[in-house]
Amino acid sequence: MRRVLARGAAGLSLLSLAACAGGSGQGWHGAVQCAPYARQVTHVQLRGDAASWWGQAQGHYPRTHVPHAGAVLVFRATGRLPDGHVSVVRQVRSPREVVVDQANWVPGRVGHGEPVVDVSGRNDWSQVKVWWSPIHAMGKTVYPAYGFILPRG
């Protein structure tokens, strides 16, 4: 019975993936959250669900579809990411690949130096794939994203 419960719990943790800092009542709501982590690292003072950061940033922080080191990449809310997700860009490898630090992509962990690639047809970072460290490979799921919020200089 314990093995069945352990397998079920492991499956649920994979399903929750990266839900962050929100009020949806779904996903991971432990001590490690993507939005508070990104806020602490970048000093972008936005609150609430990660997906809401894009709209909140308008008029307060520059927003762009071009990656910059130090920027916050904002993921849209989806069924897999009910609260969206935010990652902090550490390095721009190319116009279509960045390296990020992010909390809670793997539930309860902070990941460092994880690749994210733009797979959108227009090279506008509206669709991305993210490194999935449990398998040491790029994930197969395509996630919708808004773009990048630039911290005030």
C-alpha atoms as a PDB file:
ATOM      1  CA  MET A   1       0.000   0.000   0.000  1.00  0.00           C
ATOM      2  CA  ARG A   2       2.816   2.402   0.813  1.00  0.00           C
ATOM      3  CA  ARG A   3       4.366   1.852  -2.629  1.00  0.00           C
ATOM      4  CA  VAL A   4       1.062   2.645  -4.319  1.00  0.00           C
ATOM      5  CA  LEU A   5       0.701   5.827  -2.265  1.00  0.00           C
ATOM      6  CA  ALA A   6       4.297   6.824  -2.982  1.00  0.00           C
ATOM      7  CA  ARG A   7       3.780   6.294  -6.724  1.00  0.00           C
ATOM      8  CA  GLY A   8       0.569   8.312  -6.599  1.00  0.00           C
ATOM      9  CA  ALA A   9       2.275  11.157  -4.757  1.00  0.00           C
ATOM     10  CA  ALA A  10       5.156  11.141  -7.242  1.00  0.00           C
ATOM     11  CA  GLY A  11       2.684  11.305 -10.122  1.00  0.00           C
ATOM     12  CA  LEU A  12       0.853  14.220  -8.542  1.00  0.00           C
ATOM     13  CA  SER A  13       4.082  16.129  -8.038  1.00  0.00           C
ATOM     14  CA  LEU A  14       4.884  15.720 -11.737  1.00  0.00           C
ATOM     15  CA  LEU A  15       1.413  16.878 -12.705  1.00  0.00           C
ATOM     16  CA  SER A  16       1.693  20.010 -10.598  1.00  0.00           C
ATOM     17  CA  LEU A  17       4.967  20.916 -12.311  1.00  0.00           C
ATOM     18  CA  ALA A  18       5.537  24.578 -11.694  1.00  0.00           C
ATOM     19  CA  ALA A  19       2.408  26.236 -10.346  1.00  0.00           C
ATOM     20  CA  CYS A  20       3.549  29.365  -8.592  1.00  0.00           C
ATOM     21  CA  ALA A  21       2.525  31.863  -6.001  1.00  0.00           C
ATOM     22  CA  GLY A  22      -1.112  31.938  -6.564  1.00  0.00           C
ATOM     23  CA  GLY A  23      -4.595  31.669  -5.396  1.00  0.00           C
ATOM     24  CA  SER A  24      -5.868  29.023  -7.790  1.00  0.00           C
ATOM     25  CA  GLY A  25      -5.766  26.375  -5.092  1.00  0.00           C
ATOM     26  CA  GLN A  26      -3.948  24.059  -7.498  1.00  0.00           C
ATOM     27  CA  GLY A  27      -0.315  23.081  -7.834  1.00  0.00           C
ATOM     28  CA  TRP A  28       2.488  23.357  -5.333  1.00  0.00           C
ATOM     29  CA  HIS A  29       2.040  25.774  -2.461  1.00  0.00           C
ATOM     30  CA  GLY A  30       5.071  24.866  -0.375  1.00  0.00           C
ATOM     31  CA  ALA A  31       7.818  27.134   0.866  1.00  0.00           C
ATOM     32  CA  VAL A  32       9.561  27.442  -2.531  1.00  0.00           C
ATOM     33  CA  GLN A  33       7.597  29.539  -5.028  1.00  0.00           C
ATOM     34  CA  CYS A  34       8.645  31.027  -8.360  1.00  0.00           C
ATOM     35  CA  ALA A  35       7.213  34.535  -7.910  1.00  0.00           C
ATOM     36  CA  PRO A  36       8.756  35.336  -4.502  1.00  0.00           C
ATOM     37  CA  TYR A  37      12.062  33.892  -5.736  1.00  0.00           C
ATOM     38  CA  ALA A  38      12.040  36.053  -8.888  1.00  0.00           C
ATOM     39  CA  ARG A  39      11.040  39.119  -6.849  1.00  0.00           C
ATOM     40  CA  GLN A  40      13.925  38.560  -4.411  1.00  0.00           C
ATOM     41  CA  VAL A  41      16.521  37.997  -7.147  1.00  0.00           C
ATOM     42  CA  THR A  42      15.463  40.801  -9.524  1.00  0.00           C
ATOM     43  CA  HIS A  43      13.823  43.304  -7.161  1.00  0.00           C
ATOM     44  CA  VAL A  44      10.838  43.491  -9.532  1.00  0.00           C
ATOM     45  CA  GLN A  45       8.160  44.449  -7.049  1.00  0.00           C
ATOM     46  CA  LEU A  46       5.100  42.651  -8.393  1.00  0.00           C
ATOM     47  CA  ARG A  47       2.804  40.365  -6.408  1.00  0.00           C
ATOM     48  CA  GLY A  48       0.215  37.686  -6.991  1.00  0.00           C
ATOM     49  CA  ASP A  49       0.065  34.839  -9.475  1.00  0.00           C
ATOM     50  CA  ALA A  50       3.092  34.654 -11.742  1.00  0.00           C
ATOM     51  CA  ALA A  51       0.924  34.961 -14.866  1.00  0.00           C
ATOM     52  CA  SER A  52      -0.478  38.277 -13.608  1.00  0.00           C
ATOM     53  CA  TRP A  53       2.958  39.884 -13.579  1.00  0.00           C
ATOM     54  CA  TRP A  54       2.842  40.708 -17.284  1.00  0.00           C
ATOM     55  CA  GLY A  55      -0.244  42.878 -16.947  1.00  0.00           C
ATOM     56  CA  GLN A  56       0.913  44.382 -13.657  1.00  0.00           C
ATOM     57  CA  ALA A  57       4.237  45.413 -15.197  1.00  0.00           C
ATOM     58  CA  GLN A  58       2.589  47.656 -17.798  1.00  0.00           C
ATOM     59  CA  GLY A  59       3.485  51.250 -17.006  1.00  0.00           C
ATOM     60  CA  HIS A  60       5.846  50.207 -14.195  1.00  0.00           C
ATOM     61  CA  TYR A  61       8.534  48.082 -15.835  1.00  0.00           C
ATOM     62  CA  PRO A  62       9.680  47.757 -19.453  1.00  0.00           C
ATOM     63  CA  ARG A  63       8.302  44.683 -21.247  1.00  0.00           C
ATOM     64  CA  THR A  64       9.873  43.097 -24.309  1.00  0.00           C
ATOM     65  CA  HIS A  65       9.912  39.996 -26.477  1.00  0.00           C
ATOM     66  CA  VAL A  66      13.714  40.064 -26.703  1.00  0.00           C
ATOM     67  CA  PRO A  67      15.634  38.222 -23.972  1.00  0.00           C
ATOM     68  CA  HIS A  68      17.993  40.127 -21.667  1.00  0.00           C
ATOM     69  CA  ALA A  69      20.133  38.883 -18.798  1.00  0.00           C
ATOM     70  CA  GLY A  70      18.420  39.787 -15.526  1.00  0.00           C
ATOM     71  CA  ALA A  71      14.939  39.875 -17.074  1.00  0.00           C
ATOM     72  CA  VAL A  72      11.938  37.928 -15.806  1.00  0.00           C
ATOM     73  CA  LEU A  73      10.424  35.500 -18.322  1.00  0.00           C
ATOM     74  CA  VAL A  74       6.664  35.336 -17.688  1.00  0.00           C
ATOM     75  CA  PHE A  75       4.702  32.201 -18.579  1.00  0.00           C
ATOM     76  CA  ARG A  76       0.973  32.335 -19.226  1.00  0.00           C
ATOM     77  CA  ALA A  77      -1.455  30.374 -17.051  1.00  0.00           C
ATOM     78  CA  THR A  78      -2.446  26.983 -18.491  1.00  0.00           C
ATOM     79  CA  GLY A  79      -3.994  23.784 -17.214  1.00  0.00           C
ATOM     80  CA  ARG A  80      -0.503  22.550 -16.273  1.00  0.00           C
ATOM     81  CA  LEU A  81       0.536  25.955 -14.895  1.00  0.00           C
ATOM     82  CA  PRO A  82      -2.659  27.295 -13.312  1.00  0.00           C
ATOM     83  CA  ASP A  83      -0.837  30.283 -11.797  1.00  0.00           C
ATOM     84  CA  GLY A  84       1.663  30.723 -14.619  1.00  0.00           C
ATOM     85  CA  HIS A  85       5.376  30.752 -13.906  1.00  0.00           C
ATOM     86  CA  VAL A  86       8.289  33.201 -13.821  1.00  0.00           C
ATOM     87  CA  SER A  87      11.979  32.514 -14.404  1.00  0.00           C
ATOM     88  CA  VAL A  88      15.002  34.803 -14.107  1.00  0.00           C
ATOM     89  CA  VAL A  89      17.222  35.004 -17.201  1.00  0.00           C
ATOM     90  CA  ARG A  90      20.867  34.550 -16.245  1.00  0.00           C
ATOM     91  CA  GLN A  91      22.387  34.313 -19.707  1.00  0.00           C
ATOM     92  CA  VAL A  92      21.298  34.818 -23.293  1.00  0.00           C
ATOM     93  CA  ARG A  93      22.946  32.087 -25.374  1.00  0.00           C
ATOM     94  CA  SER A  94      21.293  33.093 -28.643  1.00  0.00           C
ATOM     95  CA  PRO A  95      18.172  34.933 -29.801  1.00  0.00           C
ATOM     96  CA  ARG A  96      16.288  31.657 -29.250  1.00  0.00           C
ATOM     97  CA  GLU A  97      17.936  30.228 -26.117  1.00  0.00           C
ATOM     98  CA  VAL A  98      18.389  31.538 -22.605  1.00  0.00           C
ATOM     99  CA  VAL A  99      19.637  30.054 -19.360  1.00  0.00           C
ATOM    100  CA  VAL A 100      17.440  30.691 -16.330  1.00  0.00           C
ATOM    101  CA  ASP A 101      17.328  30.297 -12.593  1.00  0.00           C
ATOM    102  CA  GLN A 102      13.860  29.409 -11.360  1.00  0.00           C
ATOM    103  CA  ALA A 103      12.086  28.209  -8.285  1.00  0.00           C
ATOM    104  CA  ASN A 104       9.542  25.438  -8.295  1.00  0.00           C
ATOM    105  CA  TRP A 105       9.796  24.230 -11.886  1.00  0.00           C
ATOM    106  CA  VAL A 106      10.646  20.970 -10.198  1.00  0.00           C
ATOM    107  CA  PRO A 107       8.328  21.231  -7.185  1.00  0.00           C
ATOM    108  CA  GLY A 108      10.040  22.487  -4.067  1.00  0.00           C
ATOM    109  CA  ARG A 109      13.414  23.155  -5.697  1.00  0.00           C
ATOM    110  CA  VAL A 110      15.392  26.079  -7.057  1.00  0.00           C
ATOM    111  CA  GLY A 111      16.993  25.252 -10.394  1.00  0.00           C
ATOM    112  CA  HIS A 112      20.074  27.086 -11.616  1.00  0.00           C
ATOM    113  CA  GLY A 113      21.432  27.328 -15.146  1.00  0.00           C
ATOM    114  CA  GLU A 114      18.486  25.646 -16.853  1.00  0.00           C
ATOM    115  CA  PRO A 115      17.974  26.173 -20.605  1.00  0.00           C
ATOM    116  CA  VAL A 116      14.754  27.568 -22.065  1.00  0.00           C
ATOM    117  CA  VAL A 117      14.282  27.717 -25.837  1.00  0.00           C
ATOM    118  CA  ASP A 118      11.953  29.794 -27.962  1.00  0.00           C
ATOM    119  CA  VAL A 119       9.994  27.491 -30.267  1.00  0.00           C
ATOM    120  CA  SER A 120       7.568  30.129 -31.564  1.00  0.00           C
ATOM    121  CA  GLY A 121       7.155  30.546 -35.295  1.00  0.00           C
ATOM    122  CA  ARG A 122       7.923  34.285 -35.141  1.00  0.00           C
ATOM    123  CA  ASN A 123      10.866  34.162 -32.718  1.00  0.00           C
ATOM    124  CA  ASP A 124       8.863  36.248 -30.241  1.00  0.00           C
ATOM    125  CA  TRP A 125       9.154  34.024 -27.144  1.00  0.00           C
ATOM    126  CA  SER A 126       5.408  33.342 -27.145  1.00  0.00           C
ATOM    127  CA  GLN A 127       6.046  29.568 -26.994  1.00  0.00           C
ATOM    128  CA  VAL A 128       8.880  27.931 -25.104  1.00  0.00           C
ATOM    129  CA  LYS A 129      10.284  24.589 -24.034  1.00  0.00           C
ATOM    130  CA  VAL A 130      12.017  24.214 -20.679  1.00  0.00           C
ATOM    131  CA  TRP A 131      14.769  21.938 -19.379  1.00  0.00           C
ATOM    132  CA  TRP A 132      13.344  19.182 -17.154  1.00  0.00           C
ATOM    133  CA  SER A 133      16.126  18.216 -14.746  1.00  0.00           C
ATOM    134  CA  PRO A 134      14.578  14.921 -13.541  1.00  0.00           C
ATOM    135  CA  ILE A 135      15.259  13.464 -17.008  1.00  0.00           C
ATOM    136  CA  HIS A 136      18.339  15.620 -17.781  1.00  0.00           C
ATOM    137  CA  ALA A 137      16.815  16.761 -21.069  1.00  0.00           C
ATOM    138  CA  MET A 138      14.649  19.407 -22.657  1.00  0.00           C
ATOM    139  CA  GLY A 139      10.997  18.867 -21.841  1.00  0.00           C
ATOM    140  CA  LYS A 140       8.571  18.017 -24.639  1.00  0.00           C
ATOM    141  CA  THR A 141       5.738  20.320 -23.572  1.00  0.00           C
ATOM    142  CA  VAL A 142       5.403  23.704 -25.273  1.00  0.00           C
ATOM    143  CA  TYR A 143       4.384  26.428 -22.821  1.00  0.00           C
ATOM    144  CA  PRO A 144       2.864  29.770 -23.817  1.00  0.00           C
ATOM    145  CA  ALA A 145       4.717  32.837 -22.557  1.00  0.00           C
ATOM    146  CA  TYR A 146       4.115  36.588 -22.573  1.00  0.00           C
ATOM    147  CA  GLY A 147       7.721  37.752 -22.814  1.00  0.00           C
ATOM    148  CA  PHE A 148      10.267  39.449 -20.580  1.00  0.00           C
ATOM    149  CA  ILE A 149       9.938  42.063 -17.842  1.00  0.00           C
ATOM    150  CA  LEU A 150      13.050  44.191 -17.426  1.00  0.00           C
ATOM    151  CA  PRO A 151      13.968  45.301 -13.904  1.00  0.00           C
ATOM    152  CA  ARG A 152      14.558  49.016 -13.469  1.00  0.00           C
ATOM    153  CA  GLY A 153      18.238  49.703 -13.958  1.00  0.00           C
END
